[in-house]
C-alpha cells in the first residue's frame, strides 16, 4: 500500500487548463482574485480559442498565436507589465474624476468646438433660412454636447461608441445603414454607450483572414439585447494598438487616462511635498548621551515632548549650561521647478501645452510661442478626423429625416467648415496686410496684373481696408469712346492710300 501511495505521489498531475474570463477581466483586472496582472500578461495575452461556425463568430474567438517573452529582460519587462498595460474601464472611470486628468481629457475637445463651424453643402447652395433651420435642429439634438462628450470619453476610455437612433422602437439595426429608412422624421438623435456595455460580434472572415481590410473589426455589436450593425455607429478610438492586443482593448485604442495616471500621481506627490517641506525645513539637533536615551526611552520621550512644547518657530529654546545645539535648514531653491517639471510631463502625455492646461508661464521643457501653434495643429487634426466624422454621420440622417421641412433633396450632402481657431490681433492683421500690399505692388510693376485686377483684389481682401469699395465697371465702358472720323479726313486719308497703292 505504501508503494502504491508513493507511486501515486510521484505521478505528475495532469495540468488543468484554467479558463480565462475575458469580459470579467475587462470589467476589472483580477478583481475576483483568480487572475493577476502578471498571469494575464504571461499566460493569457492571446487566449487560444476553438473555431466558430460561419456567422456566429464572437469576441471570445481570438486568433491562436504563440507568445514568447524569453528574449526580454525580465526586470525591464516587469516595469511595462506593471505600468503600461490595460488597466480596465472601471479603473479609468475612477481615475478620470481627478481634476487634472479630467481637465486634460476635456481641454482639447472644448477648445476644438469653441469656434464651431459653418455649414457647407456639395452641389446646390443652401439659402440662409435653410442654414438657420439646420442649426436649430442641431441645437434640438444637442449636437455640440454630443461632440464634447464623445471626444472627452474617447480620451478617458480609448474608445467611444455613438449610436444614431431611429424613432421606431422595433427598427432592425442589424442591417446596414440605409438613409432612406430615416426619411419622414424618423431620426431620433444620438446615444453614447460605455465600452463595457457592448459585446463585439464578428463575421468569420474577419477573424480567420489577416488579409481582410476589416480584420479584427467587429461587424455587429450586442447592446442591451439588440444586434447593431457597425454602420449605425461612429466608433472613436484612442491610440492604435497592434492586432495582438486588440481583444484586450475590446477593439478600441489606448486612452489618455491609462497613459497619464501614474505620472499624475508622481506630480501630485511631488507637489504635496512642498507644504510639508515648508513646515519642516528647520531641523534642530542636540547632543545627548545615547546610552541614557536607550536605557530610559520613556523618560526621553517625555523630555522631547516638553522641548517641543517650549520651542516653535516663534518661541525660545532652553539649553543647559554644557549643552550644544544646532540647526539645519533644508533649502527650497528650485523646488518649484522640480514640481513644474513633473506637471510638464503630464502635459506632454495629454498633448496640451502647460501654459494652457496649468495656466502658468512656460517653464522646463516648453518650446516658447510655438506651443500654441502646435496645439492649434492638434486641435485642427481633432476637428478634421473624429469631430467631422460624427457631424457628417449626423447630417446623413438629419437631412433625409427633415428634407421636406428644410426644402432640400434627401440626398443633399452637408459637411462642416470649421472656423479658424486663432483670431488675428490688429497687429497681426496689419502685418499680413503690409505683406499682401507689397506683393501686389511687385505683381503690378511686373505687369502680371493690371489696375482693375488689383482693385478687385483689394475689394476681396477683408483686411485690406478697401473691401467696401465698389467694383470697377467693365473695361469697354470705362475707356473713353473715340469720335468717328469726318468724311473729309476719311477721303483725304483714303486718297493718300489710293495713291500709295497706285
Protein backbone atom coordinates (compact mmCIF):
# COMPACT_ATOMS: atom_id res chain seq x y z
CA UNK A 1 0.00 0.00 0.00
CA UNK A 2 2.83 2.34 0.83
CA UNK A 3 4.44 1.58 -2.51
CA UNK A 4 1.20 2.34 -4.32
CA UNK A 5 0.78 5.58 -2.39
CA UNK A 6 4.34 6.59 -3.10
CA UNK A 7 3.94 5.80 -6.77
CA UNK A 8 0.79 7.81 -6.90
CA UNK A 9 2.54 10.79 -5.39
CA UNK A 10 5.34 10.58 -7.94
CA UNK A 11 2.99 10.55 -10.88
CA UNK A 12 2.68 14.05 -12.39
CA UNK A 13 -0.72 15.55 -12.01
CA UNK A 14 -2.50 16.45 -15.22
CA UNK A 15 -2.23 20.16 -15.93
CA UNK A 16 -5.66 21.72 -15.64
CA UNK A 17 -6.36 24.48 -18.08
CA UNK A 18 -7.87 27.40 -16.28
CA UNK A 19 -10.50 29.21 -18.38
CA UNK A 20 -9.93 32.92 -18.77
CA UNK A 21 -12.95 35.16 -18.24
CA UNK A 22 -12.31 37.80 -20.91
CA UNK A 23 -15.18 40.13 -20.07
CA UNK A 24 -14.67 39.75 -16.33
CA UNK A 25 -11.08 40.75 -16.89
CA UNK A 26 -12.15 43.80 -18.87
CA UNK A 27 -14.53 44.96 -16.16
CA UNK A 28 -11.71 44.85 -13.62
CA UNK A 29 -8.41 43.04 -13.93
CA UNK A 30 -8.02 40.39 -11.29
CA UNK A 31 -10.93 41.77 -9.24
CA UNK A 32 -12.14 38.25 -8.47
CA UNK A 33 -8.73 37.29 -7.14
CA UNK A 34 -8.25 34.47 -9.67
CA UNK A 35 -6.18 36.23 -12.32
CA UNK A 36 -3.30 38.53 -11.54
CA UNK A 37 -1.80 41.06 -13.92
CA UNK A 38 1.37 39.02 -14.35
CA UNK A 39 -0.59 35.82 -15.02
CA UNK A 40 -2.58 37.57 -17.68
CA UNK A 41 0.38 39.09 -19.48
CA UNK A 42 2.48 35.93 -19.36
CA UNK A 43 -0.21 33.33 -19.95
CA UNK A 44 -3.35 34.89 -21.40
CA UNK A 45 -2.13 37.68 -23.64
CA UNK A 46 -3.53 35.74 -26.61
CA UNK A 47 -6.17 33.25 -25.48
CA UNK A 48 -6.44 30.13 -27.66
CA UNK A 49 -9.96 29.68 -28.95
CA UNK A 50 -11.78 26.99 -30.83
CA UNK A 51 -13.10 27.61 -34.35
CA UNK A 52 -16.53 29.17 -34.58
CA UNK A 53 -19.17 28.39 -37.22
CA UNK A 54 -19.87 30.83 -40.00
CA UNK A 55 -21.92 33.86 -38.96
CA UNK A 56 -21.73 33.35 -35.21
CA UNK A 57 -18.16 34.42 -34.51
CA UNK A 58 -17.87 36.35 -31.26
CA UNK A 59 -15.21 38.32 -29.42
CA UNK A 60 -14.29 35.26 -27.39
CA UNK A 61 -12.71 33.82 -30.54
CA UNK A 62 -9.27 35.34 -30.73
CA UNK A 63 -6.71 34.09 -33.26
CA UNK A 64 -4.30 31.47 -31.98
CA UNK A 65 -0.76 32.74 -31.54
CA UNK A 66 2.33 31.83 -29.59
CA UNK A 67 3.84 34.47 -27.31
CA UNK A 68 7.45 34.12 -26.24
CA UNK A 69 8.98 36.52 -23.72
CA UNK A 70 12.27 34.65 -23.24
CA UNK A 71 14.30 37.24 -25.16
CA UNK A 72 13.12 40.14 -22.99
CA UNK A 73 14.94 41.32 -19.90
CA UNK A 74 12.51 40.19 -17.17
CA UNK A 75 13.30 43.09 -14.86
CA UNK A 76 12.74 45.69 -17.56
CA UNK A 77 9.72 43.87 -18.94
CA UNK A 78 8.13 43.73 -15.47
CA UNK A 79 8.07 47.54 -15.46
CA UNK A 80 5.99 47.65 -18.66
CA UNK A 81 3.76 44.85 -17.42
CA UNK A 82 3.04 46.80 -14.25
CA UNK A 83 2.70 50.28 -15.72
CA UNK A 84 1.97 50.04 -19.43
CA UNK A 85 -0.89 47.58 -19.76
CA UNK A 86 -4.66 47.79 -19.93
CA UNK A 87 -5.96 48.85 -16.50
CA UNK A 88 -9.67 48.19 -17.03
CA UNK A 89 -12.55 50.53 -17.73
CA UNK A 90 -13.76 50.78 -14.08
CA UNK A 91 -10.30 51.95 -13.04
CA UNK A 92 -10.25 54.52 -15.86
CA UNK A 93 -13.66 55.85 -14.81
CA UNK A 94 -12.50 56.29 -11.21
CA UNK A 95 -9.19 57.93 -12.13
CA UNK A 96 -10.95 60.33 -14.53
CA UNK A 97 -12.54 62.06 -11.52
CA UNK A 98 -9.19 63.63 -10.66
CA UNK A 99 -9.21 67.34 -11.52
CA UNK A 100 -6.08 67.29 -13.67
CA UNK A 101 -6.93 64.09 -15.51
CA UNK A 102 -10.44 65.34 -16.27
CA UNK A 103 -9.17 68.75 -17.37
CA UNK A 104 -6.59 67.14 -19.63
CA UNK A 105 -9.17 64.86 -21.26
CA UNK A 106 -11.70 67.65 -21.74
CA UNK A 107 -9.49 70.61 -22.64
CA UNK A 108 -8.81 69.79 -26.30
CA UNK A 109 -12.44 68.92 -27.21
CA UNK A 110 -13.68 72.18 -25.64
CA UNK A 111 -11.10 74.26 -27.50
CA UNK A 112 -11.77 72.46 -30.77
CA UNK A 113 -15.51 73.19 -30.50
CA UNK A 114 -15.26 76.78 -29.22
CA UNK A 115 -15.29 78.47 -32.65
CA UNK A 116 -17.79 75.93 -34.09
CA UNK A 117 -18.23 75.65 -37.87
CA UNK A 118 -20.12 76.94 -40.89
CA UNK A 119 -22.40 74.58 -42.80
CA UNK A 120 -21.14 73.65 -46.24
CA UNK A 121 -23.04 71.88 -48.99
CA UNK A 122 -21.91 69.93 -52.04
CA UNK A 123 -23.68 70.96 -55.21
CA UNK A 124 -26.62 73.33 -54.68
CA UNK A 125 -26.04 76.21 -52.28
CA UNK A 126 -28.27 76.48 -49.23
CA UNK A 127 -30.38 79.54 -48.56
CA UNK A 128 -29.56 81.39 -45.31
CA UNK A 129 -33.00 80.45 -43.96
CA UNK A 130 -32.26 76.79 -44.64
CA UNK A 131 -28.92 77.07 -42.83
CA UNK A 132 -30.64 78.65 -39.83
CA UNK A 133 -33.21 75.84 -39.81
CA UNK A 134 -30.45 73.21 -39.84
CA UNK A 135 -28.62 74.99 -36.99
CA UNK A 136 -31.88 75.00 -35.00
CA UNK A 137 -32.19 71.24 -35.49
CA UNK A 138 -28.57 70.80 -34.40
CA UNK A 139 -29.37 72.55 -31.12
CA UNK A 140 -32.51 70.44 -30.74
CA UNK A 141 -30.49 67.23 -30.98
CA UNK A 142 -27.72 68.66 -28.76
CA UNK A 143 -25.01 68.13 -31.36
CA UNK A 144 -22.36 70.25 -29.64
CA UNK A 145 -22.87 68.47 -26.32
CA UNK A 146 -22.67 65.10 -28.07
CA UNK A 147 -19.40 66.04 -29.76
CA UNK A 148 -17.87 67.22 -26.48
CA UNK A 149 -18.91 64.09 -24.61
CA UNK A 150 -17.73 61.76 -27.38
CA UNK A 151 -14.25 63.29 -27.66
CA UNK A 152 -13.82 63.50 -23.88
CA UNK A 153 -14.89 59.91 -23.22
CA UNK A 154 -12.69 58.72 -26.05
CA UNK A 155 -9.75 60.31 -24.24
CA UNK A 156 -10.79 58.62 -21.00
CA UNK A 157 -11.54 55.09 -22.24
CA UNK A 158 -9.68 54.97 -25.53
CA UNK A 159 -12.91 54.09 -27.37
CA UNK A 160 -16.38 55.62 -27.70
CA UNK A 161 -19.44 54.21 -29.45
CA UNK A 162 -22.06 56.62 -30.81
CA UNK A 163 -25.34 55.04 -31.95
CA UNK A 164 -27.59 57.05 -34.29
CA UNK A 165 -31.14 56.23 -33.23
CA UNK A 166 -34.27 55.52 -35.25
CA UNK A 167 -37.62 56.68 -33.86
CA UNK A 168 -39.20 53.23 -34.44
CA UNK A 169 -38.59 51.10 -31.30
CA UNK A 170 -38.76 47.95 -33.44
CA UNK A 171 -36.26 49.19 -36.02
CA UNK A 172 -33.85 46.48 -37.21
CA UNK A 173 -30.35 47.79 -36.52
CA UNK A 174 -28.73 44.51 -37.61
CA UNK A 175 -28.98 45.54 -41.27
CA UNK A 176 -26.51 48.03 -42.78
CA UNK A 177 -27.39 51.72 -42.70
CA UNK A 178 -29.77 52.98 -45.40
CA UNK A 179 -30.51 56.75 -45.48
CA UNK A 180 -33.99 56.22 -46.95
CA UNK A 181 -35.09 54.44 -43.77
CA UNK A 182 -34.75 57.74 -41.86
CA UNK A 183 -36.96 59.77 -44.19
CA UNK A 184 -40.16 61.26 -42.85
CA UNK A 185 -38.88 62.45 -39.46
CA UNK A 186 -37.51 59.07 -38.32
CA UNK A 187 -34.18 60.36 -36.97
CA UNK A 188 -34.18 60.34 -33.14
CA UNK A 189 -30.72 61.66 -32.20
CA UNK A 190 -27.50 60.19 -30.81
CA UNK A 191 -26.93 57.78 -27.93
CA UNK A 192 -23.47 57.09 -26.48
CA UNK A 193 -22.51 53.78 -24.88
CA UNK A 194 -19.67 52.94 -22.48
CA UNK A 195 -17.32 50.23 -23.80
CA UNK A 196 -18.07 47.74 -21.03
CA UNK A 197 -21.74 47.70 -22.08
CA UNK A 198 -21.13 46.27 -25.56
CA UNK A 199 -20.24 42.83 -26.85
CA UNK A 200 -18.47 42.60 -30.22
CA UNK A 201 -19.58 40.11 -32.86
CA UNK A 202 -17.62 39.16 -35.97
CA UNK A 203 -18.01 37.67 -39.37
CA UNK A 204 -15.88 34.56 -39.66
CA UNK A 205 -13.60 36.02 -42.37
CA UNK A 206 -12.74 39.00 -40.14
CA UNK A 207 -11.26 36.58 -37.62
CA UNK A 208 -9.56 34.00 -39.79
CA UNK A 209 -8.12 36.02 -42.70
CA UNK A 210 -5.50 38.65 -41.72
CA UNK A 211 -5.53 39.97 -45.30
CA UNK A 212 -9.11 41.22 -44.88
CA UNK A 213 -9.38 45.03 -44.72
CA UNK A 214 -11.72 44.66 -41.72
CA UNK A 215 -9.61 42.08 -39.93
CA UNK A 216 -10.37 42.07 -36.21
CA UNK A 217 -13.04 44.73 -36.73
CA UNK A 218 -16.43 43.71 -35.30
CA UNK A 219 -19.28 43.71 -37.80
CA UNK A 220 -22.01 43.85 -35.16
CA UNK A 221 -22.27 44.93 -31.54
CA UNK A 222 -24.64 43.45 -29.00
CA UNK A 223 -26.16 46.24 -26.89
CA UNK A 224 -28.98 45.54 -24.44
CA UNK A 225 -30.17 42.53 -26.39
CA UNK A 226 -30.03 44.36 -29.74
CA UNK A 227 -27.77 43.34 -32.60
CA UNK A 228 -26.43 46.57 -34.14
CA UNK A 229 -24.54 46.78 -37.42
CA UNK A 230 -21.39 48.89 -37.28
CA UNK A 231 -22.68 51.28 -39.96
CA UNK A 232 -25.28 52.60 -37.49
CA UNK A 233 -22.41 53.75 -35.27
CA UNK A 234 -19.44 56.05 -35.25
CA UNK A 235 -16.69 54.44 -33.19
CA UNK A 236 -13.91 56.70 -31.96
CA UNK A 237 -10.68 55.07 -30.83
CA UNK A 238 -7.61 56.28 -28.98
CA UNK A 239 -4.04 55.42 -29.90
CA UNK A 240 -3.81 52.38 -32.14
CA UNK A 241 -2.74 49.02 -30.73
CA UNK A 242 -1.29 46.01 -32.58
CA UNK A 243 -3.63 43.22 -33.66
CA UNK A 244 -2.12 41.12 -30.90
CA UNK A 245 -3.67 43.39 -28.25
CA UNK A 246 -6.96 44.34 -29.90
CA UNK A 247 -9.01 41.72 -27.99
CA UNK A 248 -7.59 43.09 -24.72
CA UNK A 249 -8.75 46.62 -25.55
CA UNK A 250 -12.12 45.42 -26.89
CA UNK A 251 -11.10 46.54 -30.34
CA UNK A 252 -10.60 50.13 -29.23
CA UNK A 253 -7.42 52.07 -28.52
CA UNK A 254 -5.29 53.31 -25.64
CA UNK A 255 -6.92 56.05 -23.57
CA UNK A 256 -5.14 59.05 -22.14
CA UNK A 257 -6.11 58.04 -18.61
CA UNK A 258 -4.13 54.83 -18.87
CA UNK A 259 -1.09 56.70 -20.17
CA UNK A 260 -1.15 59.55 -17.68
CA UNK A 261 -2.44 58.18 -14.38
CA UNK A 262 0.97 57.15 -12.98
CA UNK A 263 2.60 60.43 -13.99
CA UNK A 264 -0.23 62.47 -12.44
CA UNK A 265 0.26 60.55 -9.21
CA UNK A 266 4.00 61.36 -9.23
CA UNK A 267 3.33 65.05 -9.94
CA UNK A 268 0.75 65.31 -7.16
CA UNK A 269 3.05 63.56 -4.69
CA UNK A 270 5.83 65.97 -5.60
CA UNK A 271 3.52 68.97 -5.18
CA UNK A 272 2.34 67.69 -1.79
CA UNK A 273 5.94 67.69 -0.59
CA UNK A 274 6.06 71.49 -0.86
CA UNK A 275 3.89 72.35 2.20
CA UNK A 276 5.49 69.56 4.22
CA UNK A 277 8.97 70.83 3.44
CA UNK A 278 7.92 74.39 4.26
CA UNK A 279 6.73 73.30 7.73
CA UNK A 280 9.68 71.01 8.46
CA UNK A 281 12.57 72.76 6.74
CA UNK A 282 14.26 73.64 10.07
CA UNK A 283 15.82 70.62 11.76
CA UNK A 284 17.20 71.18 15.28
CA UNK A 285 19.85 68.85 16.67
CA UNK A 286 21.15 68.50 20.22
CA UNK A 287 23.92 66.38 21.69
CA UNK A 288 22.78 63.62 24.03
CA UNK A 289 24.09 60.51 25.72
CA UNK A 290 22.72 57.72 23.50
CA UNK A 291 23.24 55.11 26.23
CA UNK A 292 20.99 57.08 28.56
CA UNK A 293 18.43 57.51 25.77
CA UNK A 294 18.38 53.77 25.07
CA UNK A 295 18.15 52.81 28.74
CA UNK A 296 15.35 55.24 29.60
CA UNK A 297 13.22 55.64 26.46
CA UNK A 298 10.07 56.70 28.35
CA UNK A 299 11.84 59.49 30.18
CA UNK A 300 13.50 60.56 26.95
CA UNK A 301 10.15 60.73 25.18
CA UNK A 302 8.68 62.98 27.88
CA UNK A 303 11.73 65.23 27.70
CA UNK A 304 11.41 65.56 23.90
CA UNK A 305 7.72 66.41 24.25
CA UNK A 306 8.46 69.18 26.71
CA UNK A 307 11.16 70.55 24.43
CA UNK A 308 8.65 70.66 21.57
CA UNK A 309 6.17 72.50 23.78
CA UNK A 310 8.75 75.11 24.73
CA UNK A 311 10.09 75.70 21.27
CA UNK A 312 8.49 76.59 17.97
CA UNK A 313 9.29 78.98 15.15
CA UNK A 314 8.26 81.92 17.34
CA UNK A 315 9.38 80.60 20.74
CA UNK A 316 12.51 80.21 22.80
CA UNK A 317 14.60 77.06 23.21
CA UNK A 318 16.10 76.47 26.67
CA UNK A 319 19.54 74.86 26.92
CA UNK A 320 21.67 73.61 29.77
CA UNK A 321 24.99 75.19 30.55
CA UNK A 322 27.01 72.38 28.98
CA UNK A 323 24.61 71.53 26.12
CA UNK A 324 25.26 72.04 22.41
CA UNK A 325 22.51 72.70 19.87
CA UNK A 326 22.50 73.39 16.16
CA UNK A 327 20.02 73.87 13.33
CA UNK A 328 19.98 72.61 9.75
CA UNK A 329 17.78 74.31 7.16
CA UNK A 330 16.50 72.44 4.11
CA UNK A 331 16.90 74.64 1.06
CA UNK A 332 13.80 75.07 -1.09
CA UNK A 333 15.67 76.51 -4.05
CA UNK A 334 14.33 75.28 -7.40
CA UNK A 335 11.60 73.26 -5.68
CA UNK A 336 9.00 74.96 -7.88
CA UNK A 337 10.98 73.94 -10.97
CA UNK A 338 11.04 70.33 -9.81
CA UNK A 339 7.28 70.37 -9.25
CA UNK A 340 6.56 72.03 -12.59
CA UNK A 341 8.87 69.57 -14.31
CA UNK A 342 6.60 66.74 -13.19
CA UNK A 343 3.50 68.54 -14.41
CA UNK A 344 5.24 69.28 -17.71
CA UNK A 345 5.50 65.53 -18.26
CA UNK A 346 1.77 65.22 -17.58
CA UNK A 347 1.04 67.92 -20.15
CA UNK A 348 3.27 66.20 -22.68
CA UNK A 349 1.33 62.95 -22.35
CA UNK A 350 -2.01 64.76 -22.61
CA UNK A 351 -0.75 66.66 -25.69
CA UNK A 352 -1.68 70.03 -24.18
CA UNK A 353 0.82 72.88 -23.54
CA UNK A 354 1.47 73.56 -19.88
CA UNK A 355 0.60 77.22 -20.36
CA UNK A 356 -2.87 76.08 -21.45
CA UNK A 357 -3.52 73.21 -19.05
CA UNK A 358 -1.87 74.60 -15.92
CA UNK A 359 -2.47 78.31 -16.59
CA UNK A 360 1.20 79.11 -15.96
CA UNK A 361 4.04 80.55 -17.98
CA UNK A 362 6.45 78.43 -19.99
CA UNK A 363 8.96 76.51 -17.91
CA UNK A 364 11.11 73.42 -18.17
CA UNK A 365 10.53 71.57 -21.43
CA UNK A 366 8.38 74.25 -23.09
CA UNK A 367 9.18 75.46 -26.59
CA UNK A 368 8.00 79.05 -26.25
CA UNK A 369 5.39 80.61 -28.51
CA UNK A 370 5.45 77.58 -30.81
CA UNK A 371 3.47 75.68 -28.16
CA UNK A 372 0.28 77.46 -29.23
CA UNK A 373 0.94 76.74 -32.91
CA UNK A 374 1.49 73.08 -32.12
CA UNK A 375 -1.66 73.00 -30.01
CA UNK A 376 -3.74 74.54 -32.81
CA UNK A 377 -2.43 71.93 -35.23
CA UNK A 378 -3.50 69.24 -32.79
CA UNK A 379 -6.98 70.78 -32.47
CA UNK A 380 -7.35 71.00 -36.25
CA UNK A 381 -6.47 67.33 -36.51
CA UNK A 382 -9.17 66.50 -33.96
CA UNK A 383 -11.68 68.57 -35.94
CA UNK A 384 -10.78 67.04 -39.29
CA UNK A 385 -10.96 63.44 -38.08
CA UNK A 386 -13.15 62.47 -35.13
CA UNK A 387 -15.45 65.50 -34.93
CA UNK A 388 -16.07 65.78 -38.68
CA UNK A 389 -16.89 62.07 -38.87
CA UNK A 390 -19.61 62.46 -36.24
CA UNK A 391 -21.05 65.62 -37.83
CA UNK A 392 -21.28 64.05 -41.29
CA UNK A 393 -22.95 60.91 -39.90
CA UNK A 394 -25.41 63.17 -38.07
CA UNK A 395 -26.34 65.05 -41.26
CA UNK A 396 -26.66 61.83 -43.28
CA UNK A 397 -29.66 61.06 -41.08
CA UNK A 398 -30.88 64.57 -40.27
CA UNK A 399 -31.29 65.76 -43.87
CA UNK A 400 -33.38 62.78 -45.11
CA UNK A 401 -35.45 62.98 -41.92
CA UNK A 402 -36.28 66.71 -42.30
CA UNK A 403 -35.86 67.18 -46.07
CA UNK A 404 -39.46 68.31 -46.58
CA UNK A 405 -39.30 70.86 -43.75
CA UNK A 406 -35.95 72.20 -44.93
CA UNK A 407 -36.89 72.30 -48.60
CA UNK A 408 -33.86 70.29 -49.74
CA UNK A 409 -33.36 66.99 -51.51
CA UNK A 410 -32.93 63.96 -49.14
CA UNK A 411 -29.61 63.09 -50.75
CA UNK A 412 -28.13 66.56 -50.15
CA UNK A 413 -24.61 66.21 -48.78
CA UNK A 414 -23.72 68.60 -45.93
CA UNK A 415 -20.39 68.91 -44.17
CA UNK A 416 -18.79 71.24 -41.57
CA UNK A 417 -16.37 74.03 -42.46
CA UNK A 418 -14.59 74.69 -39.18
CA UNK A 419 -13.90 78.31 -38.30
CA UNK A 420 -10.34 79.45 -37.66
CA UNK A 421 -9.17 78.65 -34.15
CA UNK A 422 -6.72 81.51 -33.87
CA UNK A 423 -8.20 85.01 -34.11
CA UNK A 424 -5.75 87.52 -35.55
CA UNK A 425 -4.95 90.60 -33.49
CA UNK A 426 -4.86 94.09 -35.01
CA UNK A 427 -1.07 93.92 -35.17
CA UNK A 428 -1.21 90.56 -36.96
CA UNK A 429 -3.77 91.88 -39.45
CA UNK A 430 -1.62 94.95 -40.14
CA UNK A 431 1.46 92.79 -40.73
CA UNK A 432 -0.43 90.50 -43.12
CA UNK A 433 -1.92 93.49 -44.93
CA UNK A 434 1.51 95.05 -45.39
CA UNK A 435 2.92 91.83 -46.85
CA UNK A 436 -0.03 91.47 -49.23
CA UNK A 437 0.24 95.06 -50.48
CA UNK A 438 3.97 94.66 -51.07
CA UNK A 439 3.25 91.52 -53.10
CA UNK A 440 0.55 93.39 -55.04
CA UNK A 441 2.98 96.19 -55.85
CA UNK A 442 5.57 93.76 -57.19
CA UNK A 443 2.94 91.99 -59.29
CA UNK A 444 1.64 95.31 -60.68
CA UNK A 445 5.10 96.67 -61.52
CA UNK A 446 5.97 93.46 -63.32
CA UNK A 447 2.69 93.83 -65.29
CA UNK A 448 1.44 90.47 -64.01
CA UNK A 449 -1.83 92.22 -63.08
CA UNK A 450 -3.44 95.46 -64.18
CA UNK A 451 -5.16 98.17 -62.15
CA UNK A 452 -8.59 96.54 -62.50
CA UNK A 453 -7.37 93.19 -61.15
CA UNK A 454 -5.53 94.99 -58.36
CA UNK A 455 -8.70 96.87 -57.39
CA UNK A 456 -10.67 93.61 -57.35
CA UNK A 457 -8.04 92.01 -55.14
CA UNK A 458 -8.26 94.88 -52.64
CA UNK A 459 -12.06 94.58 -52.51
CA UNK A 460 -11.96 90.80 -51.92
CA UNK A 461 -9.35 91.07 -49.14
CA UNK A 462 -11.18 91.60 -45.82
CA UNK A 463 -8.02 93.01 -44.18
CA UNK A 464 -7.09 95.48 -46.94
CA UNK A 465 -9.21 98.37 -45.63
CA UNK A 466 -10.67 98.82 -49.15
CA UNK A 467 -13.17 95.96 -49.01
CA UNK A 468 -16.08 98.45 -49.05
CA UNK A 469 -15.18 99.89 -52.46
CA UNK A 470 -17.42 99.25 -55.42
CA UNK A 471 -16.19 97.07 -58.23
CA UNK A 472 -14.87 98.85 -61.30
CA UNK A 473 -17.05 98.95 -64.41
CA UNK A 474 -16.26 96.88 -67.45
CA UNK A 475 -13.23 97.95 -69.39
CA UNK A 476 -15.24 98.80 -72.53
CA UNK A 477 -17.37 101.26 -70.54
CA UNK A 478 -14.50 102.93 -68.72
CA UNK A 479 -12.32 103.68 -71.78
CA UNK A 480 -13.47 106.91 -73.45
CA UNK A 481 -15.03 106.27 -76.85
CA UNK A 482 -13.26 107.66 -79.95
CA UNK A 483 -15.25 110.07 -82.15
CA UNK A 484 -15.76 108.79 -85.73
CA UNK A 485 -13.59 110.41 -88.36
CA UNK A 486 -15.10 113.09 -90.57
CA UNK A 487 -15.82 112.31 -94.21
CA UNK A 488 -13.20 114.82 -95.34
CA UNK A 489 -10.47 113.15 -93.28
CA UNK A 490 -11.60 109.76 -94.43
CA UNK A 491 -11.50 110.96 -98.03
CA UNK A 492 -8.11 112.57 -97.57
CA UNK A 493 -6.57 109.57 -95.95
CA UNK A 494 -8.40 107.36 -98.36
CA UNK A 495 -7.00 109.28 -101.35
CA UNK A 496 -3.48 109.10 -99.98
CA UNK A 497 -3.86 105.39 -99.52
CA UNK A 498 -5.17 105.01 -103.04
CA UNK A 499 -2.25 106.98 -104.42
CA UNK A 500 0.16 104.92 -102.40
CA UNK A 501 -1.39 101.76 -103.69
CA UNK A 502 -1.24 103.06 -107.27
